[in-house]
PDB file of N, CA and C in Angstrom:
ATOM      1  N   MET A   1       0.814  -1.187   0.000  1.00  0.00           N
ATOM      2  CA  MET A   1       0.000   0.000   0.000  1.00  0.00           C
ATOM      3  C   MET A   1       0.867   1.264   0.000  1.00  0.00           C
ATOM      4  N   ALA A   2       1.930   1.286   0.810  1.00  0.00           N
ATOM      5  CA  ALA A   2       2.800   2.454   0.851  1.00  0.00           C
ATOM      6  C   ALA A   2       3.412   2.708  -0.521  1.00  0.00           C
ATOM      7  N   PHE A   3       3.744   1.633  -1.237  1.00  0.00           N
ATOM      8  CA  PHE A   3       4.311   1.764  -2.572  1.00  0.00           C
ATOM      9  C   PHE A   3       3.338   2.487  -3.494  1.00  0.00           C
ATOM     10  N   VAL A   4       2.087   2.091  -3.471  1.00  0.00           N
ATOM     11  CA  VAL A   4       1.072   2.698  -4.330  1.00  0.00           C
ATOM     12  C   VAL A   4       0.915   4.180  -3.998  1.00  0.00           C
ATOM     13  N   LEU A   5       0.869   4.497  -2.716  1.00  0.00           N
ATOM     14  CA  LEU A   5       0.722   5.898  -2.319  1.00  0.00           C
ATOM     15  C   LEU A   5       1.924   6.731  -2.760  1.00  0.00           C
ATOM     16  N   HIS A   6       3.109   6.184  -2.552  1.00  0.00           N
ATOM     17  CA  HIS A   6       4.328   6.937  -2.829  1.00  0.00           C
ATOM     18  C   HIS A   6       4.623   7.029  -4.330  1.00  0.00           C
ATOM     19  N   GLU A   7       4.620   5.892  -4.997  1.00  0.00           N
ATOM     20  CA  GLU A   7       5.029   5.852  -6.400  1.00  0.00           C
ATOM     21  C   GLU A   7       3.996   6.430  -7.360  1.00  0.00           C
ATOM     22  N   PHE A   8       2.723   6.217  -7.063  1.00  0.00           N
ATOM     23  CA  PHE A   8       1.691   6.621  -8.016  1.00  0.00           C
ATOM     24  C   PHE A   8       0.879   7.827  -7.558  1.00  0.00           C
ATOM     25  N   GLY A   9       1.174   8.324  -6.356  1.00  0.00           N
ATOM     26  CA  GLY A   9       0.487   9.513  -5.872  1.00  0.00           C
ATOM     27  C   GLY A   9      -1.025   9.355  -5.782  1.00  0.00           C
ATOM     28  N   VAL A  10      -1.456   8.177  -5.411  1.00  0.00           N
ATOM     29  CA  VAL A  10      -2.888   7.907  -5.290  1.00  0.00           C
ATOM     30  C   VAL A  10      -3.501   8.849  -4.252  1.00  0.00           C
ATOM     31  N   ASP A  11      -4.725   9.305  -4.523  1.00  0.00           N
ATOM     32  CA  ASP A  11      -5.419  10.159  -3.553  1.00  0.00           C
ATOM     33  C   ASP A  11      -5.519   9.431  -2.227  1.00  0.00           C
ATOM     34  N   ARG A  12      -5.340  10.200  -1.150  1.00  0.00           N
ATOM     35  CA  ARG A  12      -5.358   9.579   0.167  1.00  0.00           C
ATOM     36  C   ARG A  12      -5.694  10.641   1.211  1.00  0.00           C
ATOM     37  N   GLN A  13      -5.987  10.152   2.398  1.00  0.00           N
ATOM     38  CA  GLN A  13      -6.183  11.046   3.527  1.00  0.00           C
ATOM     39  C   GLN A  13      -4.816  11.618   3.914  1.00  0.00           C
ATOM     40  N   PRO A  14      -4.779  12.838   4.429  1.00  0.00           N
ATOM     41  CA  PRO A  14      -3.490  13.453   4.775  1.00  0.00           C
ATOM     42  C   PRO A  14      -2.662  12.635   5.774  1.00  0.00           C
ATOM     43  N   ASP A  15      -3.321  11.906   6.663  1.00  0.00           N
ATOM     44  CA  ASP A  15      -2.577  11.154   7.681  1.00  0.00           C
ATOM     45  C   ASP A  15      -2.239   9.731   7.249  1.00  0.00           C
ATOM     46  N   ALA A  16      -2.476   9.382   5.992  1.00  0.00           N
ATOM     47  CA  ALA A  16      -2.245   8.012   5.524  1.00  0.00           C
ATOM     48  C   ALA A  16      -0.810   7.538   5.757  1.00  0.00           C
ATOM     49  N   PRO A  17       0.214   8.320   5.428  1.00  0.00           N
ATOM     50  CA  PRO A  17       1.580   7.823   5.675  1.00  0.00           C
ATOM     51  C   PRO A  17       1.840   7.532   7.153  1.00  0.00           C
ATOM     52  N   HIS A  18       1.331   8.386   8.019  1.00  0.00           N
ATOM     53  CA  HIS A  18       1.490   8.181   9.463  1.00  0.00           C
ATOM     54  C   HIS A  18       0.783   6.894   9.908  1.00  0.00           C
ATOM     55  N   VAL A  19      -0.416   6.701   9.440  1.00  0.00           N
ATOM     56  CA  VAL A  19      -1.193   5.501   9.791  1.00  0.00           C
ATOM     57  C   VAL A  19      -0.482   4.251   9.293  1.00  0.00           C
ATOM     58  N   LEU A  20       0.056   4.295   8.086  1.00  0.00           N
ATOM     59  CA  LEU A  20       0.788   3.144   7.547  1.00  0.00           C
ATOM     60  C   LEU A  20       2.047   2.856   8.365  1.00  0.00           C
ATOM     61  N   ARG A  21       2.784   3.903   8.750  1.00  0.00           N
ATOM     62  CA  ARG A  21       3.988   3.685   9.566  1.00  0.00           C
ATOM     63  C   ARG A  21       3.632   3.054  10.905  1.00  0.00           C
ATOM     64  N   GLU A  22       2.575   3.541  11.541  1.00  0.00           N
ATOM     65  CA  GLU A  22       2.156   2.958  12.827  1.00  0.00           C
ATOM     66  C   GLU A  22       1.728   1.508  12.655  1.00  0.00           C
ATOM     67  N   GLY A  23       0.999   1.224  11.604  1.00  0.00           N
ATOM     68  CA  GLY A  23       0.580  -0.152  11.341  1.00  0.00           C
ATOM     69  C   GLY A  23       1.756  -1.067  11.084  1.00  0.00           C
ATOM     70  N   ARG A  24       2.739  -0.565  10.339  1.00  0.00           N
ATOM     71  CA  ARG A  24       3.933  -1.362  10.062  1.00  0.00           C
ATOM     72  C   ARG A  24       4.697  -1.648  11.352  1.00  0.00           C
ATOM     73  N   GLU A  25       4.789  -0.662  12.242  1.00  0.00           N
ATOM     74  CA  GLU A  25       5.477  -0.883  13.518  1.00  0.00           C
ATOM     75  C   GLU A  25       4.747  -1.924  14.358  1.00  0.00           C
ATOM     76  N   ARG A  26       3.414  -1.832  14.430  1.00  0.00           N
ATOM     77  CA  ARG A  26       2.641  -2.832  15.189  1.00  0.00           C
ATOM     78  C   ARG A  26       2.873  -4.228  14.625  1.00  0.00           C
ATOM     79  N   TRP A  27       2.841  -4.355  13.302  1.00  0.00           N
ATOM     80  CA  TRP A  27       3.037  -5.653  12.658  1.00  0.00           C
ATOM     81  C   TRP A  27       4.437  -6.194  12.961  1.00  0.00           C
ATOM     82  N   ARG A  28       5.453  -5.335  12.865  1.00  0.00           N
ATOM     83  CA  ARG A  28       6.820  -5.793  13.129  1.00  0.00           C
ATOM     84  C   ARG A  28       6.997  -6.216  14.582  1.00  0.00           C
ATOM     85  N   ARG A  29       6.382  -5.488  15.511  1.00  0.00           N
ATOM     86  CA  ARG A  29       6.485  -5.869  16.928  1.00  0.00           C
ATOM     87  C   ARG A  29       5.797  -7.211  17.182  1.00  0.00           C
ATOM     88  N   ARG A  30       4.668  -7.450  16.510  1.00  0.00           N
ATOM     89  CA  ARG A  30       4.014  -8.771  16.649  1.00  0.00           C
ATOM     90  C   ARG A  30       4.895  -9.865  16.069  1.00  0.00           C
ATOM     91  N   GLN A  31       5.539  -9.595  14.945  1.00  0.00           N
ATOM     92  CA  GLN A  31       6.444 -10.567  14.334  1.00  0.00           C
ATOM     93  C   GLN A  31       7.625 -10.857  15.260  1.00  0.00           C
ATOM     94  N   ILE A  32       8.181  -9.823  15.855  1.00  0.00           N
ATOM     95  CA  ILE A  32       9.294 -10.009  16.795  1.00  0.00           C
ATOM     96  C   ILE A  32       8.866 -10.902  17.946  1.00  0.00           C
ATOM     97  N   ALA A  33       7.684 -10.624  18.518  1.00  0.00           N
ATOM     98  CA  ALA A  33       7.198 -11.429  19.647  1.00  0.00           C
ATOM     99  C   ALA A  33       7.036 -12.889  19.231  1.00  0.00           C
ATOM    100  N   ALA A  34       6.480 -13.127  18.055  1.00  0.00           N
ATOM    101  CA  ALA A  34       6.298 -14.505  17.584  1.00  0.00           C
ATOM    102  C   ALA A  34       7.652 -15.194  17.384  1.00  0.00           C
ATOM    103  N   LEU A  35       8.600 -14.474  16.826  1.00  0.00           N
ATOM    104  CA  LEU A  35       9.922 -15.055  16.609  1.00  0.00           C
ATOM    105  C   LEU A  35      10.640 -15.352  17.915  1.00  0.00           C
ATOM    106  N   VAL A  36      10.490 -14.483  18.895  1.00  0.00           N
ATOM    107  CA  VAL A  36      11.111 -14.732  20.205  1.00  0.00           C
ATOM    108  C   VAL A  36      10.520 -15.987  20.830  1.00  0.00           C
ATOM    109  N   ARG A  37       9.198 -16.167  20.695  1.00  0.00           N
ATOM    110  CA  ARG A  37       8.578 -17.385  21.246  1.00  0.00           C
ATOM    111  C   ARG A  37       9.084 -18.630  20.524  1.00  0.00           C
ATOM    112  N   ASP A  38       9.339 -18.517  19.212  1.00  0.00           N
ATOM    113  CA  ASP A  38       9.775 -19.676  18.435  1.00  0.00           C
ATOM    114  C   ASP A  38      11.279 -19.936  18.541  1.00  0.00           C
ATOM    115  N   ALA A  39      12.072 -18.893  18.823  1.00  0.00           N
ATOM    116  CA  ALA A  39      13.533 -19.040  18.903  1.00  0.00           C
ATOM    117  C   ALA A  39      14.082 -18.239  20.077  1.00  0.00           C
ATOM    118  N   PRO A  40      13.697 -18.614  21.296  1.00  0.00           N
ATOM    119  CA  PRO A  40      14.160 -17.850  22.450  1.00  0.00           C
ATOM    120  C   PRO A  40      15.682 -17.860  22.601  1.00  0.00           C
ATOM    121  N   ASP A  41      16.323 -18.927  22.164  1.00  0.00           N
ATOM    122  CA  ASP A  41      17.783 -18.981  22.252  1.00  0.00           C
ATOM    123  C   ASP A  41      18.423 -17.878  21.420  1.00  0.00           C
ATOM    124  N   GLU A  42      17.854 -17.596  20.278  1.00  0.00           N
ATOM    125  CA  GLU A  42      18.384 -16.532  19.417  1.00  0.00           C
ATOM    126  C   GLU A  42      18.108 -15.160  20.027  1.00  0.00           C
ATOM    127  N   ALA A  43      16.949 -14.998  20.637  1.00  0.00           N
ATOM    128  CA  ALA A  43      16.630 -13.737  21.312  1.00  0.00           C
ATOM    129  C   ALA A  43      17.613 -13.483  22.443  1.00  0.00           C
ATOM    130  N   VAL A  44      17.917 -14.523  23.218  1.00  0.00           N
ATOM    131  CA  VAL A  44      18.874 -14.391  24.318  1.00  0.00           C
ATOM    132  C   VAL A  44      20.252 -14.012  23.767  1.00  0.00           C
ATOM    133  N   ARG A  45      20.668 -14.657  22.702  1.00  0.00           N
ATOM    134  CA  ARG A  45      21.980 -14.356  22.106  1.00  0.00           C
ATOM    135  C   ARG A  45      22.070 -12.890  21.680  1.00  0.00           C
ATOM    136  N   VAL A  46      21.041 -12.414  20.999  1.00  0.00           N
ATOM    137  CA  VAL A  46      21.053 -11.033  20.507  1.00  0.00           C
ATOM    138  C   VAL A  46      21.022 -10.048  21.670  1.00  0.00           C
ATOM    139  N   LEU A  47      20.185 -10.297  22.658  1.00  0.00           N
ATOM    140  CA  LEU A  47      20.125  -9.399  23.815  1.00  0.00           C
ATOM    141  C   LEU A  47      21.461  -9.353  24.549  1.00  0.00           C
ATOM    142  N   ARG A  48      22.094 -10.501  24.704  1.00  0.00           N
ATOM    143  CA  ARG A  48      23.408 -10.516  25.363  1.00  0.00           C
ATOM    144  C   ARG A  48      24.442  -9.769  24.523  1.00  0.00           C
ATOM    145  N   ASP A  49      24.376  -9.930  23.203  1.00  0.00           N
ATOM    146  CA  ASP A  49      25.283  -9.179  22.324  1.00  0.00           C
ATOM    147  C   ASP A  49      25.090  -7.671  22.485  1.00  0.00           C
ATOM    148  N   LEU A  50      23.873  -7.264  22.806  1.00  0.00           N
ATOM    149  CA  LEU A  50      23.572  -5.843  23.010  1.00  0.00           C
ATOM    150  C   LEU A  50      23.924  -5.363  24.414  1.00  0.00           C
ATOM    151  N   GLY A  51      24.395  -6.278  25.261  1.00  0.00           N
ATOM    152  CA  GLY A  51      24.825  -5.906  26.592  1.00  0.00           C
ATOM    153  C   GLY A  51      23.813  -6.162  27.694  1.00  0.00           C
ATOM    154  N   TYR A  52      22.692  -6.784  27.370  1.00  0.00           N
ATOM    155  CA  TYR A  52      21.702  -7.103  28.397  1.00  0.00           C
ATOM    156  C   TYR A  52      22.139  -8.324  29.184  1.00  0.00           C
ATOM    157  N   ALA A  53      21.785  -8.356  30.456  1.00  0.00           N
ATOM    158  CA  ALA A  53      21.998  -9.540  31.285  1.00  0.00           C
ATOM    159  C   ALA A  53      20.712 -10.353  31.230  1.00  0.00           C
ATOM    160  N   VAL A  54      20.797 -11.540  30.687  1.00  0.00           N
ATOM    161  CA  VAL A  54      19.628 -12.397  30.532  1.00  0.00           C
ATOM    162  C   VAL A  54      19.864 -13.672  31.320  1.00  0.00           C
ATOM    163  N   ALA A  55      18.962 -13.990  32.227  1.00  0.00           N
ATOM    164  CA  ALA A  55      19.088 -15.201  33.043  1.00  0.00           C
ATOM    165  C   ALA A  55      18.210 -16.307  32.452  1.00  0.00           C
ATOM    166  N   ASP A  56      18.723 -17.525  32.491  1.00  0.00           N
ATOM    167  CA  ASP A  56      17.928 -18.673  32.048  1.00  0.00           C
ATOM    168  C   ASP A  56      16.778 -18.902  33.029  1.00  0.00           C
ATOM    169  N   PRO A  57      15.652 -19.409  32.536  1.00  0.00           N
ATOM    170  CA  PRO A  57      14.549 -19.750  33.437  1.00  0.00           C
ATOM    171  C   PRO A  57      15.002 -20.809  34.447  1.00  0.00           C
ATOM    172  N   THR A  58      14.327 -20.896  35.575  1.00  0.00           N
ATOM    173  CA  THR A  58      14.706 -21.859  36.612  1.00  0.00           C
ATOM    174  C   THR A  58      14.630 -23.297  36.105  1.00  0.00           C
ATOM    175  N   ASP A  59      13.758 -23.557  35.135  1.00  0.00           N
ATOM    176  CA  ASP A  59      13.633 -24.905  34.562  1.00  0.00           C
ATOM    177  C   ASP A  59      14.665 -25.170  33.466  1.00  0.00           C
ATOM    178  N   GLY A  60      15.540 -24.206  33.210  1.00  0.00           N
ATOM    179  CA  GLY A  60      16.539 -24.354  32.155  1.00  0.00           C
ATOM    180  C   GLY A  60      16.116 -23.615  30.893  1.00  0.00           C
ATOM    181  N   PRO A  61      17.044 -23.501  29.963  1.00  0.00           N
ATOM    182  CA  PRO A  61      16.763 -22.772  28.724  1.00  0.00           C
ATOM    183  C   PRO A  61      15.601 -23.391  27.951  1.00  0.00           C
ATOM    184  N   VAL A  62      14.835 -22.556  27.299  1.00  0.00           N
ATOM    185  CA  VAL A  62      13.724 -23.017  26.455  1.00  0.00           C
ATOM    186  C   VAL A  62      14.286 -23.267  25.056  1.00  0.00           C
ATOM    187  N   GLN A  63      14.012 -24.426  24.531  1.00  0.00           N
ATOM    188  CA  GLN A  63      14.529 -24.794  23.216  1.00  0.00           C
ATOM    189  C   GLN A  63      13.730 -24.121  22.105  1.00  0.00           C
ATOM    190  N   ALA A  64      14.402 -23.884  21.005  1.00  0.00           N
ATOM    191  CA  ALA A  64      13.747 -23.324  19.824  1.00  0.00           C
ATOM    192  C   ALA A  64      12.745 -24.328  19.277  1.00  0.00           C
ATOM    193  N   LYS A  65      11.717 -23.822  18.636  1.00  0.00           N
ATOM    194  CA  LYS A  65      10.682 -24.657  18.027  1.00  0.00           C
ATOM    195  C   LYS A  65      11.023 -24.834  16.542  1.00  0.00           C
ATOM    196  N   ALA A  66      11.836 -25.842  16.267  1.00  0.00           N
ATOM    197  CA  ALA A  66      12.325 -26.064  14.904  1.00  0.00           C
ATOM    198  C   ALA A  66      11.179 -26.183  13.902  1.00  0.00           C
ATOM    199  N   GLY A  67      10.105 -26.838  14.301  1.00  0.00           N
ATOM    200  CA  GLY A  67       8.967 -26.998  13.385  1.00  0.00           C
ATOM    201  C   GLY A  67       8.384 -25.665  12.949  1.00  0.00           C
ATOM    202  N   LYS A  68       8.313 -24.725  13.869  1.00  0.00           N
ATOM    203  CA  LYS A  68       7.799 -23.391  13.536  1.00  0.00           C
ATOM    204  C   LYS A  68       8.794 -22.626  12.657  1.00  0.00           C
ATOM    205  N   LEU A  69      10.096 -22.786  12.958  1.00  0.00           N
ATOM    206  CA  LEU A  69      11.107 -22.055  12.224  1.00  0.00           C
ATOM    207  C   LEU A  69      11.285 -22.592  10.803  1.00  0.00           C
ATOM    208  N   GLN A  70      10.960 -23.867  10.594  1.00  0.00           N
ATOM    209  CA  GLN A  70      11.159 -24.488   9.290  1.00  0.00           C
ATOM    210  C   GLN A  70       9.881 -24.535   8.455  1.00  0.00           C
ATOM    211  N   ALA A  71       8.758 -24.145   9.044  1.00  0.00           N
ATOM    212  CA  ALA A  71       7.469 -24.230   8.343  1.00  0.00           C
ATOM    213  C   ALA A  71       7.401 -23.219   7.219  1.00  0.00           C
ATOM    214  N   TRP A  72       6.645 -23.568   6.193  1.00  0.00           N
ATOM    215  CA  TRP A  72       6.427 -22.661   5.069  1.00  0.00           C
ATOM    216  C   TRP A  72       5.351 -21.774   5.435  1.00  0.00           C
TER     217      TRP A  72
END
């Protein structure tokens, strides 16, 4: 949709770009949350690389869900 608005100058409401940016951010945050649930080990690695202190759960590390990560 952003492509159509930008490239072709389609008529739109004045706040359309703002609304699209907010929607894209919400979608990306939902995607991040889903990916963290499916690959918590990778989330921990990235957070530690960024300098965060991340403790393993008391039951031990949660394994990645290979089936979710490999699904089409």
